[in-house]
Amino acid sequence: MAQESVSVIVPVFNKAAYSQRCFAALLQTHHRPLEIVAVDNGSSDDTPALLEQVKKNASAAGIGFCVVRNASNLGASTARNQGLAAATGQYIVVMDNDVAICQRAWAGKMMAALRERPDVAIVGPKLLFAFPPHLVQFAGGAVSPTGRVVFVGRGKPADTPELNVLREVQCCISACWMMQRRIVEELGDFDEEFNPVQFEDIDYCYRARSAGYKILYLPTVTMHHFENVTTGMSPSINSTYLIIKNGMKFKQRWRHMFSKENGPRDQDICWAQVEKVPLQQIGELPIGD
């Protein structure tokens, strides 16, 4: 029986060195058929040349690769929607260009989780910081009754027992998640009101859950995440302002849900500060089977 196809949508906006790591790792994915849809949001660095080289490498690896080019940065939601329109896979992955896979079998594992649970719309992996000791960056998302978003497990060791349990969560983040095409066809595109970035992914998760679906955290799939590379390292993007602005939009839209959920109490929320390591100081990141 033919394997079901997977499309990975990766928006890129400058930061070619991070994109290079992302694509080089993706090309080691076991699953076929596989296609990568890169959406270049008006990059002005070496990204266009990098994408041409990756296209050649992908072809040699038996992986489809297409590029959607924008003259300027149209925002994360618009870029992902362009990727959704170009993607042909039965399973759709959204991934940021500051993510690198840790396992060649990642796609098959995420597909299996969705097949086993038809009531699940989105499955997300465990995200680890990309530098030793590779602490947890994200192990599923939670939302407090007042609408504060929590990255569960942030700053904890990767082998923390409670972070290695398959479980339903209130949300995942679009650094990486997988969903079936039927979910996209039912729910539609990412909301472009959240452009250029922030909360478009949490909003999508709540749209899925309001439609009766569940969101799943899958700890057996791990990925390295450099975190906030595009938003935090782009002078034209005021991350703090956007978090507040789009956060208010999210709260107004979904308060009727999260205010009645058993999310964490505000007084128990702590955003762990993890000292970052520059990219040039990080060596090769191992990829297992």
Foldseek 3Di string as FASTA:
>chain_A
DDDFEEEEEEEDADPQVLLLQALVQLLLAPDPPYEYEYEYAQHDDCNVVSLVVSCVVSVVSNYHYDYHYDNHHLADQVSVQVSLVPDDTQKYKYAYSNKHWQANHQVVVQVVVCVVDVQAFKEDEFEFAQDPPGFTCALAWFAALQGDIARPRHPHHLVPPVSQDKDWHLFDDRNIMMGGVVSCVVQPGQDSVLPNDDDSRSLSSVSSVVVRGIYIYHHVTYMYGNPCCPQVVDPVHDVVVSHVVVSVVSCVVCSVPNNPDPTDHPVPGDNDDDDHDDPVVRDDRHHHD
